[in-house]
PDB file of N, CA and C in Angstrom:
ATOM      1  N   MET A   1       0.851  -1.174   0.000  1.00  0.00           N
ATOM      2  CA  MET A   1       0.000   0.000   0.000  1.00  0.00           C
ATOM      3  C   MET A   1       0.898   1.240   0.000  1.00  0.00           C
ATOM      4  N   SER A   2       0.654   2.156  -0.909  1.00  0.00           N
ATOM      5  CA  SER A   2       1.471   3.362  -0.977  1.00  0.00           C
ATOM      6  C   SER A   2       1.083   4.324   0.150  1.00  0.00           C
ATOM      7  N   ASP A   3       1.964   5.270   0.421  1.00  0.00           N
ATOM      8  CA  ASP A   3       1.692   6.255   1.465  1.00  0.00           C
ATOM      9  C   ASP A   3       0.418   7.034   1.182  1.00  0.00           C
ATOM     10  N   THR A   4       0.193   7.378  -0.073  1.00  0.00           N
ATOM     11  CA  THR A   4      -0.997   8.163  -0.393  1.00  0.00           C
ATOM     12  C   THR A   4      -2.268   7.344  -0.228  1.00  0.00           C
ATOM     13  N   THR A   5      -2.195   6.047  -0.463  1.00  0.00           N
ATOM     14  CA  THR A   5      -3.374   5.203  -0.247  1.00  0.00           C
ATOM     15  C   THR A   5      -3.762   5.227   1.222  1.00  0.00           C
ATOM     16  N   TRP A   6      -2.771   5.095   2.101  1.00  0.00           N
ATOM     17  CA  TRP A   6      -3.038   5.135   3.537  1.00  0.00           C
ATOM     18  C   TRP A   6      -3.639   6.474   3.934  1.00  0.00           C
ATOM     19  N   LEU A   7      -3.133   7.568   3.358  1.00  0.00           N
ATOM     20  CA  LEU A   7      -3.654   8.890   3.679  1.00  0.00           C
ATOM     21  C   LEU A   7      -5.119   9.021   3.274  1.00  0.00           C
ATOM     22  N   TRP A   8      -5.454   8.508   2.090  1.00  0.00           N
ATOM     23  CA  TRP A   8      -6.844   8.558   1.630  1.00  0.00           C
ATOM     24  C   TRP A   8      -7.748   7.708   2.521  1.00  0.00           C
ATOM     25  N   GLU A   9      -7.232   6.583   2.983  1.00  0.00           N
ATOM     26  CA  GLU A   9      -8.034   5.725   3.873  1.00  0.00           C
ATOM     27  C   GLU A   9      -8.212   6.363   5.247  1.00  0.00           C
ATOM     28  N   PHE A  10      -7.214   7.091   5.700  1.00  0.00           N
ATOM     29  CA  PHE A  10      -7.272   7.758   6.997  1.00  0.00           C
ATOM     30  C   PHE A  10      -8.192   8.977   6.987  1.00  0.00           C
ATOM     31  N   LEU A  11      -8.298   9.638   5.850  1.00  0.00           N
ATOM     32  CA  LEU A  11      -9.014  10.908   5.739  1.00  0.00           C
ATOM     33  C   LEU A  11     -10.419  10.905   6.354  1.00  0.00           C
ATOM     34  N   PRO A  12     -11.327  10.010   5.979  1.00  0.00           N
ATOM     35  CA  PRO A  12     -12.688  10.103   6.531  1.00  0.00           C
ATOM     36  C   PRO A  12     -12.740   9.868   8.046  1.00  0.00           C
ATOM     37  N   ARG A  13     -11.981   8.904   8.522  1.00  0.00           N
ATOM     38  CA  ARG A  13     -11.969   8.602   9.964  1.00  0.00           C
ATOM     39  C   ARG A  13     -11.376   9.778  10.744  1.00  0.00           C
ATOM     40  N   GLY A  14     -10.270  10.303  10.264  1.00  0.00           N
ATOM     41  CA  GLY A  14      -9.638  11.437  10.925  1.00  0.00           C
ATOM     42  C   GLY A  14     -10.498  12.686  10.895  1.00  0.00           C
ATOM     43  N   TYR A  15     -11.194  12.891   9.782  1.00  0.00           N
ATOM     44  CA  TYR A  15     -12.086  14.051   9.665  1.00  0.00           C
ATOM     45  C   TYR A  15     -13.209  13.964  10.692  1.00  0.00           C
ATOM     46  N   LEU A  16     -13.837  12.802  10.783  1.00  0.00           N
ATOM     47  CA  LEU A  16     -14.934  12.634  11.745  1.00  0.00           C
ATOM     48  C   LEU A  16     -14.438  12.793  13.175  1.00  0.00           C
ATOM     49  N   GLN A  17     -13.258  12.266  13.443  1.00  0.00           N
ATOM     50  CA  GLN A  17     -12.659  12.410  14.771  1.00  0.00           C
ATOM     51  C   GLN A  17     -12.385  13.889  15.069  1.00  0.00           C
ATOM     52  N   SER A  18     -11.872  14.600  14.094  1.00  0.00           N
ATOM     53  CA  SER A  18     -11.566  16.021  14.291  1.00  0.00           C
ATOM     54  C   SER A  18     -12.815  16.845  14.562  1.00  0.00           C
ATOM     55  N   ILE A  19     -13.869  16.629  13.784  1.00  0.00           N
ATOM     56  CA  ILE A  19     -15.073  17.431  14.031  1.00  0.00           C
ATOM     57  C   ILE A  19     -15.738  17.035  15.346  1.00  0.00           C
ATOM     58  N   ALA A  20     -15.595  15.779  15.753  1.00  0.00           N
ATOM     59  CA  ALA A  20     -16.143  15.352  17.043  1.00  0.00           C
ATOM     60  C   ALA A  20     -15.430  16.046  18.205  1.00  0.00           C
ATOM     61  N   ILE A  21     -14.173  16.366  18.021  1.00  0.00           N
ATOM     62  CA  ILE A  21     -13.406  17.056  19.063  1.00  0.00           C
ATOM     63  C   ILE A  21     -13.583  18.570  18.963  1.00  0.00           C
ATOM     64  N   GLU A  22     -13.525  19.104  17.763  1.00  0.00           N
ATOM     65  CA  GLU A  22     -13.534  20.555  17.578  1.00  0.00           C
ATOM     66  C   GLU A  22     -14.907  21.186  17.780  1.00  0.00           C
ATOM     67  N   THR A  23     -15.958  20.513  17.348  1.00  0.00           N
ATOM     68  CA  THR A  23     -17.292  21.120  17.422  1.00  0.00           C
ATOM     69  C   THR A  23     -17.706  21.464  18.850  1.00  0.00           C
ATOM     70  N   PRO A  24     -17.535  20.583  19.834  1.00  0.00           N
ATOM     71  CA  PRO A  24     -17.903  20.986  21.200  1.00  0.00           C
ATOM     72  C   PRO A  24     -17.114  22.191  21.713  1.00  0.00           C
ATOM     73  N   VAL A  25     -15.848  22.284  21.339  1.00  0.00           N
ATOM     74  CA  VAL A  25     -15.039  23.447  21.739  1.00  0.00           C
ATOM     75  C   VAL A  25     -15.632  24.713  21.129  1.00  0.00           C
ATOM     76  N   LEU A  26     -16.005  24.635  19.858  1.00  0.00           N
ATOM     77  CA  LEU A  26     -16.607  25.794  19.195  1.00  0.00           C
ATOM     78  C   LEU A  26     -17.963  26.142  19.813  1.00  0.00           C
ATOM     79  N   LEU A  27     -18.758  25.135  20.128  1.00  0.00           N
ATOM     80  CA  LEU A  27     -20.074  25.384  20.723  1.00  0.00           C
ATOM     81  C   LEU A  27     -19.942  26.125  22.053  1.00  0.00           C
ATOM     82  N   LEU A  28     -18.961  25.736  22.833  1.00  0.00           N
ATOM     83  CA  LEU A  28     -18.775  26.349  24.153  1.00  0.00           C
ATOM     84  C   LEU A  28     -18.036  27.684  24.102  1.00  0.00           C
ATOM     85  N   GLY A  29     -17.102  27.824  23.175  1.00  0.00           N
ATOM     86  CA  GLY A  29     -16.211  28.967  23.224  1.00  0.00           C
ATOM     87  C   GLY A  29     -16.531  30.147  22.330  1.00  0.00           C
ATOM     88  N   LEU A  30     -17.202  29.894  21.212  1.00  0.00           N
ATOM     89  CA  LEU A  30     -17.482  31.012  20.297  1.00  0.00           C
ATOM     90  C   LEU A  30     -18.422  32.017  20.957  1.00  0.00           C
ATOM     91  N   SER A  31     -18.321  33.263  20.538  1.00  0.00           N
ATOM     92  CA  SER A  31     -19.142  34.337  21.092  1.00  0.00           C
ATOM     93  C   SER A  31     -20.626  33.988  21.019  1.00  0.00           C
ATOM     94  N   ARG A  32     -21.356  34.482  21.980  1.00  0.00           N
ATOM     95  CA  ARG A  32     -22.801  34.201  22.048  1.00  0.00           C
ATOM     96  C   ARG A  32     -23.583  34.821  20.894  1.00  0.00           C
ATOM     97  N   ILE A  33     -22.988  35.774  20.230  1.00  0.00           N
ATOM     98  CA  ILE A  33     -23.667  36.429  19.108  1.00  0.00           C
ATOM     99  C   ILE A  33     -23.924  35.447  17.959  1.00  0.00           C
ATOM    100  N   HIS A  34     -23.092  34.406  17.880  1.00  0.00           N
ATOM    101  CA  HIS A  34     -23.246  33.426  16.809  1.00  0.00           C
ATOM    102  C   HIS A  34     -24.322  32.416  17.187  1.00  0.00           C
ATOM    103  N   PRO A  35     -25.321  32.241  16.324  1.00  0.00           N
ATOM    104  CA  PRO A  35     -26.368  31.263  16.628  1.00  0.00           C
ATOM    105  C   PRO A  35     -25.812  29.836  16.602  1.00  0.00           C
ATOM    106  N   LEU A  36     -26.506  28.955  17.278  1.00  0.00           N
ATOM    107  CA  LEU A  36     -26.117  27.545  17.353  1.00  0.00           C
ATOM    108  C   LEU A  36     -25.881  26.962  15.961  1.00  0.00           C
ATOM    109  N   LYS A  37     -26.741  27.313  15.027  1.00  0.00           N
ATOM    110  CA  LYS A  37     -26.616  26.818  13.652  1.00  0.00           C
ATOM    111  C   LYS A  37     -25.256  27.176  13.059  1.00  0.00           C
ATOM    112  N   HIS A  38     -24.812  28.403  13.250  1.00  0.00           N
ATOM    113  CA  HIS A  38     -23.514  28.828  12.708  1.00  0.00           C
ATOM    114  C   HIS A  38     -22.365  28.110  13.406  1.00  0.00           C
ATOM    115  N   LYS A  39     -22.493  27.877  14.687  1.00  0.00           N
ATOM    116  CA  LYS A  39     -21.449  27.167  15.419  1.00  0.00           C
ATOM    117  C   LYS A  39     -21.336  25.719  14.931  1.00  0.00           C
ATOM    118  N   LEU A  40     -22.479  25.088  14.700  1.00  0.00           N
ATOM    119  CA  LEU A  40     -22.468  23.710  14.187  1.00  0.00           C
ATOM    120  C   LEU A  40     -21.901  23.658  12.766  1.00  0.00           C
ATOM    121  N   ILE A  41     -22.311  24.602  11.952  1.00  0.00           N
ATOM    122  CA  ILE A  41     -21.773  24.670  10.584  1.00  0.00           C
ATOM    123  C   ILE A  41     -20.260  24.850  10.638  1.00  0.00           C
ATOM    124  N   ALA A  42     -19.793  25.747  11.494  1.00  0.00           N
ATOM    125  CA  ALA A  42     -18.356  25.990  11.619  1.00  0.00           C
ATOM    126  C   ALA A  42     -17.630  24.712  12.034  1.00  0.00           C
ATOM    127  N   GLY A  43     -18.221  23.937  12.931  1.00  0.00           N
ATOM    128  CA  GLY A  43     -17.589  22.701  13.391  1.00  0.00           C
ATOM    129  C   GLY A  43     -17.337  21.705  12.277  1.00  0.00           C
ATOM    130  N   VAL A  44     -18.208  21.667  11.316  1.00  0.00           N
ATOM    131  CA  VAL A  44     -18.078  20.727  10.200  1.00  0.00           C
ATOM    132  C   VAL A  44     -17.322  21.357   9.029  1.00  0.00           C
ATOM    133  N   TRP A  45     -17.679  22.580   8.699  1.00  0.00           N
ATOM    134  CA  TRP A  45     -17.165  23.241   7.497  1.00  0.00           C
ATOM    135  C   TRP A  45     -15.702  23.641   7.596  1.00  0.00           C
ATOM    136  N   LEU A  46     -15.292  24.234   8.720  1.00  0.00           N
ATOM    137  CA  LEU A  46     -13.900  24.690   8.831  1.00  0.00           C
ATOM    138  C   LEU A  46     -12.930  23.529   8.664  1.00  0.00           C
ATOM    139  N   THR A  47     -13.215  22.437   9.328  1.00  0.00           N
ATOM    140  CA  THR A  47     -12.351  21.256   9.210  1.00  0.00           C
ATOM    141  C   THR A  47     -12.404  20.684   7.801  1.00  0.00           C
ATOM    142  N   ALA A  48     -13.569  20.721   7.177  1.00  0.00           N
ATOM    143  CA  ALA A  48     -13.685  20.219   5.802  1.00  0.00           C
ATOM    144  C   ALA A  48     -12.794  21.012   4.847  1.00  0.00           C
ATOM    145  N   CYS A  49     -12.581  22.278   5.147  1.00  0.00           N
ATOM    146  CA  CYS A  49     -11.751  23.113   4.272  1.00  0.00           C
ATOM    147  C   CYS A  49     -10.260  22.865   4.465  1.00  0.00           C
ATOM    148  N   THR A  50      -9.844  22.595   5.688  1.00  0.00           N
ATOM    149  CA  THR A  50      -8.407  22.492   5.960  1.00  0.00           C
ATOM    150  C   THR A  50      -7.893  21.064   6.079  1.00  0.00           C
ATOM    151  N   TYR A  51      -8.734  20.158   6.526  1.00  0.00           N
ATOM    152  CA  TYR A  51      -8.262  18.801   6.815  1.00  0.00           C
ATOM    153  C   TYR A  51      -7.674  18.085   5.597  1.00  0.00           C
ATOM    154  N   PRO A  52      -8.283  18.173   4.422  1.00  0.00           N
ATOM    155  CA  PRO A  52      -7.664  17.519   3.256  1.00  0.00           C
ATOM    156  C   PRO A  52      -6.263  18.049   2.941  1.00  0.00           C
ATOM    157  N   ILE A  53      -6.045  19.317   3.180  1.00  0.00           N
ATOM    158  CA  ILE A  53      -4.711  19.876   2.930  1.00  0.00           C
ATOM    159  C   ILE A  53      -3.720  19.326   3.945  1.00  0.00           C
ATOM    160  N   VAL A  54      -4.141  19.286   5.207  1.00  0.00           N
ATOM    161  CA  VAL A  54      -3.262  18.782   6.269  1.00  0.00           C
ATOM    162  C   VAL A  54      -2.960  17.300   6.079  1.00  0.00           C
ATOM    163  N   VAL A  55      -3.959  16.529   5.667  1.00  0.00           N
ATOM    164  CA  VAL A  55      -3.799  15.064   5.597  1.00  0.00           C
ATOM    165  C   VAL A  55      -3.291  14.585   4.241  1.00  0.00           C
ATOM    166  N   LEU A  56      -3.687  15.243   3.163  1.00  0.00           N
ATOM    167  CA  LEU A  56      -3.324  14.749   1.830  1.00  0.00           C
ATOM    168  C   LEU A  56      -2.204  15.542   1.157  1.00  0.00           C
ATOM    169  N   VAL A  57      -2.248  16.853   1.267  1.00  0.00           N
ATOM    170  CA  VAL A  57      -1.304  17.686   0.523  1.00  0.00           C
ATOM    171  C   VAL A  57       0.025  17.847   1.259  1.00  0.00           C
ATOM    172  N   LEU A  58      -0.039  18.286   2.498  1.00  0.00           N
ATOM    173  CA  LEU A  58       1.204  18.559   3.226  1.00  0.00           C
ATOM    174  C   LEU A  58       2.100  17.328   3.380  1.00  0.00           C
ATOM    175  N   PRO A  59       1.565  16.132   3.628  1.00  0.00           N
ATOM    176  CA  PRO A  59       2.462  14.971   3.705  1.00  0.00           C
ATOM    177  C   PRO A  59       3.183  14.677   2.387  1.00  0.00           C
ATOM    178  N   CYS A  60       2.599  15.088   1.281  1.00  0.00           N
ATOM    179  CA  CYS A  60       3.273  14.902  -0.013  1.00  0.00           C
ATOM    180  C   CYS A  60       4.361  15.954  -0.232  1.00  0.00           C
ATOM    181  N   LEU A  61       4.236  17.076   0.436  1.00  0.00           N
ATOM    182  CA  LEU A  61       5.226  18.143   0.307  1.00  0.00           C
ATOM    183  C   LEU A  61       6.334  18.054   1.358  1.00  0.00           C
ATOM    184  N   ILE A  62       5.952  17.570   2.542  1.00  0.00           N
ATOM    185  CA  ILE A  62       6.896  17.470   3.663  1.00  0.00           C
ATOM    186  C   ILE A  62       6.820  16.042   4.197  1.00  0.00           C
ATOM    187  N   SER A  63       7.883  15.307   4.047  1.00  0.00           N
ATOM    188  CA  SER A  63       7.903  13.913   4.487  1.00  0.00           C
ATOM    189  C   SER A  63       7.685  13.820   5.997  1.00  0.00           C
ATOM    190  N   MET A  64       6.627  13.113   6.384  1.00  0.00           N
ATOM    191  CA  MET A  64       6.366  12.926   7.809  1.00  0.00           C
ATOM    192  C   MET A  64       7.363  11.957   8.429  1.00  0.00           C
ATOM    193  N   GLU A  65       7.969  11.107   7.622  1.00  0.00           N
ATOM    194  CA  GLU A  65       8.937  10.150   8.149  1.00  0.00           C
ATOM    195  C   GLU A  65      10.259  10.820   8.495  1.00  0.00           C
ATOM    196  N   THR A  66      10.736  11.711   7.635  1.00  0.00           N
ATOM    197  CA  THR A  66      12.047  12.320   7.865  1.00  0.00           C
ATOM    198  C   THR A  66      11.970  13.733   8.436  1.00  0.00           C
ATOM    199  N   HIS A  67      10.825  14.393   8.283  1.00  0.00           N
ATOM    200  CA  HIS A  67      10.692  15.780   8.751  1.00  0.00           C
ATOM    201  C   HIS A  67       9.394  15.957   9.536  1.00  0.00           C
ATOM    202  N   ARG A  68       9.150  15.062  10.468  1.00  0.00           N
ATOM    203  CA  ARG A  68       7.884  15.083  11.223  1.00  0.00           C
ATOM    204  C   ARG A  68       7.658  16.409  11.950  1.00  0.00           C
ATOM    205  N   VAL A  69       8.685  16.931  12.600  1.00  0.00           N
ATOM    206  CA  VAL A  69       8.533  18.183  13.345  1.00  0.00           C
ATOM    207  C   VAL A  69       8.184  19.327  12.389  1.00  0.00           C
ATOM    208  N   ALA A  70       8.855  19.393  11.264  1.00  0.00           N
ATOM    209  CA  ALA A  70       8.549  20.441  10.280  1.00  0.00           C
ATOM    210  C   ALA A  70       7.112  20.302   9.778  1.00  0.00           C
ATOM    211  N   TYR A  71       6.710  19.067   9.481  1.00  0.00           N
ATOM    212  CA  TYR A  71       5.327  18.828   9.041  1.00  0.00           C
ATOM    213  C   TYR A  71       4.333  19.320  10.093  1.00  0.00           C
ATOM    214  N   LEU A  72       4.552  18.949  11.350  1.00  0.00           N
ATOM    215  CA  LEU A  72       3.631  19.337  12.424  1.00  0.00           C
ATOM    216  C   LEU A  72       3.584  20.853  12.599  1.00  0.00           C
ATOM    217  N   ILE A  73       4.720  21.506  12.513  1.00  0.00           N
ATOM    218  CA  ILE A  73       4.744  22.963  12.638  1.00  0.00           C
ATOM    219  C   ILE A  73       3.939  23.614  11.514  1.00  0.00           C
ATOM    220  N   VAL A  74       4.167  23.169  10.291  1.00  0.00           N
ATOM    221  CA  VAL A  74       3.445  23.748   9.150  1.00  0.00           C
ATOM    222  C   VAL A  74       1.952  23.430   9.239  1.00  0.00           C
ATOM    223  N   ALA A  75       1.623  22.169   9.477  1.00  0.00           N
ATOM    224  CA  ALA A  75       0.215  21.755   9.512  1.00  0.00           C
ATOM    225  C   ALA A  75      -0.548  22.433  10.640  1.00  0.00           C
ATOM    226  N   GLU A  76       0.070  22.484  11.815  1.00  0.00           N
ATOM    227  CA  GLU A  76      -0.633  23.035  12.974  1.00  0.00           C
ATOM    228  C   GLU A  76      -0.548  24.553  13.053  1.00  0.00           C
ATOM    229  N   THR A  77       0.137  25.168  12.127  1.00  0.00           N
ATOM    230  CA  THR A  77       0.070  26.619  11.954  1.00  0.00           C
ATOM    231  C   THR A  77      -0.944  26.939  10.863  1.00  0.00           C
ATOM    232  N   PHE A  78      -0.873  26.166   9.775  1.00  0.00           N
ATOM    233  CA  PHE A  78      -1.788  26.383   8.654  1.00  0.00           C
ATOM    234  C   PHE A  78      -3.252  26.223   9.067  1.00  0.00           C
ATOM    235  N   ALA A  79      -3.591  25.108   9.723  1.00  0.00           N
ATOM    236  CA  ALA A  79      -4.999  24.799  10.002  1.00  0.00           C
ATOM    237  C   ALA A  79      -5.693  25.885  10.826  1.00  0.00           C
ATOM    238  N   PRO A  80      -5.175  26.268  11.986  1.00  0.00           N
ATOM    239  CA  PRO A  80      -5.891  27.308  12.730  1.00  0.00           C
ATOM    240  C   PRO A  80      -5.883  28.669  12.029  1.00  0.00           C
ATOM    241  N   ALA A  81      -4.781  29.009  11.363  1.00  0.00           N
ATOM    242  CA  ALA A  81      -4.735  30.300  10.662  1.00  0.00           C
ATOM    243  C   ALA A  81      -5.779  30.342   9.547  1.00  0.00           C
ATOM    244  N   ALA A  82      -5.858  29.282   8.760  1.00  0.00           N
ATOM    245  CA  ALA A  82      -6.831  29.228   7.675  1.00  0.00           C
ATOM    246  C   ALA A  82      -8.254  29.208   8.211  1.00  0.00           C
ATOM    247  N   GLU A  83      -8.476  28.446   9.270  1.00  0.00           N
ATOM    248  CA  GLU A  83      -9.829  28.353   9.835  1.00  0.00           C
ATOM    249  C   GLU A  83     -10.258  29.667  10.476  1.00  0.00           C
ATOM    250  N   CYS A  84      -9.335  30.373  11.093  1.00  0.00           N
ATOM    251  CA  CYS A  84      -9.663  31.700  11.631  1.00  0.00           C
ATOM    252  C   CYS A  84     -10.059  32.642  10.506  1.00  0.00           C
ATOM    253  N   ALA A  85      -9.301  32.621   9.418  1.00  0.00           N
ATOM    254  CA  ALA A  85      -9.621  33.480   8.275  1.00  0.00           C
ATOM    255  C   ALA A  85     -10.980  33.124   7.683  1.00  0.00           C
ATOM    256  N   LEU A  86     -11.252  31.844   7.539  1.00  0.00           N
ATOM    257  CA  LEU A  86     -12.538  31.408   6.997  1.00  0.00           C
ATOM    258  C   LEU A  86     -13.692  31.791   7.920  1.00  0.00           C
ATOM    259  N   PHE A  87     -13.507  31.588   9.223  1.00  0.00           N
ATOM    260  CA  PHE A  87     -14.564  31.941  10.181  1.00  0.00           C
ATOM    261  C   PHE A  87     -14.831  33.443  10.135  1.00  0.00           C
ATOM    262  N   TRP A  88     -13.762  34.229  10.112  1.00  0.00           N
ATOM    263  CA  TRP A  88     -13.926  35.681  10.032  1.00  0.00           C
ATOM    264  C   TRP A  88     -14.699  36.074   8.772  1.00  0.00           C
ATOM    265  N   ALA A  89     -14.296  35.506   7.639  1.00  0.00           N
ATOM    266  CA  ALA A  89     -14.942  35.856   6.364  1.00  0.00           C
ATOM    267  C   ALA A  89     -16.417  35.463   6.350  1.00  0.00           C
ATOM    268  N   ALA A  90     -16.738  34.331   6.936  1.00  0.00           N
ATOM    269  CA  ALA A  90     -18.112  33.834   6.877  1.00  0.00           C
ATOM    270  C   ALA A  90     -19.030  34.425   7.946  1.00  0.00           C
ATOM    271  N   PHE A  91     -18.500  34.668   9.139  1.00  0.00           N
ATOM    272  CA  PHE A  91     -19.388  34.982  10.260  1.00  0.00           C
ATOM    273  C   PHE A  91     -19.122  36.309  10.970  1.00  0.00           C
ATOM    274  N   ILE A  92     -18.009  36.964  10.682  1.00  0.00           N
ATOM    275  CA  ILE A  92     -17.686  38.193  11.415  1.00  0.00           C
ATOM    276  C   ILE A  92     -17.619  39.407  10.502  1.00  0.00           C
ATOM    277  N   ARG A  93     -16.954  39.269   9.374  1.00  0.00           N
ATOM    278  CA  ARG A  93     -16.669  40.411   8.489  1.00  0.00           C
ATOM    279  C   ARG A  93     -17.885  41.274   8.205  1.00  0.00           C
ATOM    280  N   SER A  94     -18.985  40.680   7.834  1.00  0.00           N
ATOM    281  CA  SER A  94     -20.165  41.466   7.441  1.00  0.00           C
ATOM    282  C   SER A  94     -21.197  41.599   8.565  1.00  0.00           C
ATOM    283  N   ASN A  95     -20.814  41.214   9.785  1.00  0.00           N
ATOM    284  CA  ASN A  95     -21.733  41.300  10.917  1.00  0.00           C
ATOM    285  C   ASN A  95     -21.126  42.190  11.996  1.00  0.00           C
ATOM    286  N   PRO A  96     -21.473  43.481  12.012  1.00  0.00           N
ATOM    287  CA  PRO A  96     -20.887  44.405  12.995  1.00  0.00           C
ATOM    288  C   PRO A  96     -21.113  43.954  14.444  1.00  0.00           C
ATOM    289  N   GLU A  97     -22.220  43.264  14.696  1.00  0.00           N
ATOM    290  CA  GLU A  97     -22.503  42.807  16.063  1.00  0.00           C
ATOM    291  C   GLU A  97     -21.503  41.744  16.520  1.00  0.00           C
ATOM    292  N   ALA A  98     -20.915  41.011  15.583  1.00  0.00           N
ATOM    293  CA  ALA A  98     -19.988  39.936  15.926  1.00  0.00           C
ATOM    294  C   ALA A  98     -18.560  40.434  16.103  1.00  0.00           C
ATOM    295  N   GLN A  99     -18.273  41.633  15.632  1.00  0.00           N
ATOM    296  CA  GLN A  99     -16.895  42.121  15.647  1.00  0.00           C
ATOM    297  C   GLN A  99     -16.296  42.307  17.049  1.00  0.00           C
ATOM    298  N   PRO A 100     -17.056  42.686  18.077  1.00  0.00           N
ATOM    299  CA  PRO A 100     -16.454  42.782  19.408  1.00  0.00           C
ATOM    300  C   PRO A 100     -15.941  41.435  19.945  1.00  0.00           C
ATOM    301  N   GLY A 101     -16.484  40.350  19.471  1.00  0.00           N
ATOM    302  CA  GLY A 101     -16.049  39.025  19.915  1.00  0.00           C
ATOM    303  C   GLY A 101     -14.963  38.420  19.049  1.00  0.00           C
ATOM    304  N   PHE A 102     -14.355  39.245  18.186  1.00  0.00           N
ATOM    305  CA  PHE A 102     -13.363  38.747  17.236  1.00  0.00           C
ATOM    306  C   PHE A 102     -12.276  37.916  17.908  1.00  0.00           C
ATOM    307  N   TRP A 103     -11.599  38.464  18.913  1.00  0.00           N
ATOM    308  CA  TRP A 103     -10.477  37.745  19.531  1.00  0.00           C
ATOM    309  C   TRP A 103     -10.932  36.484  20.245  1.00  0.00           C
ATOM    310  N   ARG A 104     -12.074  36.552  20.893  1.00  0.00           N
ATOM    311  CA  ARG A 104     -12.607  35.349  21.541  1.00  0.00           C
ATOM    312  C   ARG A 104     -12.831  34.252  20.508  1.00  0.00           C
ATOM    313  N   ASP A 105     -13.412  34.619  19.384  1.00  0.00           N
ATOM    314  CA  ASP A 105     -13.689  33.643  18.326  1.00  0.00           C
ATOM    315  C   ASP A 105     -12.401  33.072  17.739  1.00  0.00           C
ATOM    316  N   MET A 106     -11.415  33.928  17.497  1.00  0.00           N
ATOM    317  CA  MET A 106     -10.147  33.457  16.917  1.00  0.00           C
ATOM    318  C   MET A 106      -9.413  32.531  17.892  1.00  0.00           C
ATOM    319  N   ILE A 107      -9.432  32.881  19.165  1.00  0.00           N
ATOM    320  CA  ILE A 107      -8.800  32.021  20.180  1.00  0.00           C
ATOM    321  C   ILE A 107      -9.533  30.694  20.272  1.00  0.00           C
ATOM    322  N   THR A 108     -10.848  30.726  20.194  1.00  0.00           N
ATOM    323  CA  THR A 108     -11.637  29.491  20.267  1.00  0.00           C
ATOM    324  C   THR A 108     -11.354  28.584  19.079  1.00  0.00           C
ATOM    325  N   VAL A 109     -11.302  29.141  17.893  1.00  0.00           N
ATOM    326  CA  VAL A 109     -10.997  28.331  16.706  1.00  0.00           C
ATOM    327  C   VAL A 109      -9.604  27.710  16.853  1.00  0.00           C
ATOM    328  N   THR A 110      -8.660  28.474  17.345  1.00  0.00           N
ATOM    329  CA  THR A 110      -7.305  27.965  17.551  1.00  0.00           C
ATOM    330  C   THR A 110      -7.287  26.865  18.617  1.00  0.00           C
ATOM    331  N   LEU A 111      -7.984  27.081  19.725  1.00  0.00           N
ATOM    332  CA  LEU A 111      -8.048  26.064  20.782  1.00  0.00           C
ATOM    333  C   LEU A 111      -8.727  24.781  20.296  1.00  0.00           C
ATOM    334  N   ALA A 112      -9.737  24.930  19.457  1.00  0.00           N
ATOM    335  CA  ALA A 112     -10.396  23.745  18.901  1.00  0.00           C
ATOM    336  C   ALA A 112      -9.404  22.927  18.085  1.00  0.00           C
ATOM    337  N   ASN A 113      -8.588  23.610  17.296  1.00  0.00           N
ATOM    338  CA  ASN A 113      -7.561  22.918  16.513  1.00  0.00           C
ATOM    339  C   ASN A 113      -6.526  22.254  17.398  1.00  0.00           C
ATOM    340  N   LEU A 114      -6.091  22.942  18.434  1.00  0.00           N
ATOM    341  CA  LEU A 114      -5.107  22.363  19.350  1.00  0.00           C
ATOM    342  C   LEU A 114      -5.684  21.152  20.082  1.00  0.00           C
ATOM    343  N   ALA A 115      -6.952  21.236  20.468  1.00  0.00           N
ATOM    344  CA  ALA A 115      -7.598  20.097  21.117  1.00  0.00           C
ATOM    345  C   ALA A 115      -7.665  18.903  20.181  1.00  0.00           C
ATOM    346  N   SER A 116      -8.022  19.169  18.934  1.00  0.00           N
ATOM    347  CA  SER A 116      -8.102  18.107  17.948  1.00  0.00           C
ATOM    348  C   SER A 116      -6.731  17.468  17.726  1.00  0.00           C
ATOM    349  N   PHE A 117      -5.711  18.295  17.612  1.00  0.00           N
ATOM    350  CA  PHE A 117      -4.347  17.781  17.424  1.00  0.00           C
ATOM    351  C   PHE A 117      -3.928  16.964  18.641  1.00  0.00           C
ATOM    352  N   GLY A 118      -4.093  17.524  19.819  1.00  0.00           N
ATOM    353  CA  GLY A 118      -3.649  16.844  21.041  1.00  0.00           C
ATOM    354  C   GLY A 118      -4.370  15.534  21.292  1.00  0.00           C
ATOM    355  N   LEU A 119      -5.689  15.556  21.227  1.00  0.00           N
ATOM    356  CA  LEU A 119      -6.451  14.324  21.451  1.00  0.00           C
ATOM    357  C   LEU A 119      -6.236  13.335  20.312  1.00  0.00           C
ATOM    358  N   GLY A 120      -6.087  13.859  19.104  1.00  0.00           N
ATOM    359  CA  GLY A 120      -5.806  12.989  17.964  1.00  0.00           C
ATOM    360  C   GLY A 120      -4.511  12.232  18.137  1.00  0.00           C
ATOM    361  N   MET A 121      -3.493  12.913  18.664  1.00  0.00           N
ATOM    362  CA  MET A 121      -2.211  12.250  18.926  1.00  0.00           C
ATOM    363  C   MET A 121      -2.360  11.177  19.996  1.00  0.00           C
ATOM    364  N   LEU A 122      -3.146  11.452  21.011  1.00  0.00           N
ATOM    365  CA  LEU A 122      -3.356  10.474  22.090  1.00  0.00           C
ATOM    366  C   LEU A 122      -4.134   9.247  21.609  1.00  0.00           C
ATOM    367  N   LEU A 123      -5.057   9.467  20.679  1.00  0.00           N
ATOM    368  CA  LEU A 123      -5.922   8.372  20.197  1.00  0.00           C
ATOM    369  C   LEU A 123      -5.242   7.495  19.154  1.00  0.00           C
ATOM    370  N   GLN A 124      -4.122   7.944  18.598  1.00  0.00           N
ATOM    371  CA  GLN A 124      -3.451   7.159  17.544  1.00  0.00           C
ATOM    372  C   GLN A 124      -2.828   5.918  18.098  1.00  0.00           C
TER     373      GLN A 124
END
């Protein structure tokens, strides 16, 4: 089995595991201005946007076998940064009422990613 085959097989299981970890963090931590529907959408959608890049693209660019630390630094910087940008664009940018909670929301999205990474490492 090639490395990419394993990555494709891991993708759906890892994605479901990630949203199972990240969504509760988002539900609890995001500003109250965001309705439950938006928080649930964010839990599924943000990971859907970044997870394929982290799991499929980055391992092809950065060998996890020989450069694991570099891969983890890039992946775990990319995912929260991209998800913060996506969350801002979708739920904050055009909603003046949501702008006071900007930092809380960005920290929550980042913490959700860190929780997913940390628990994901423990579950492997």
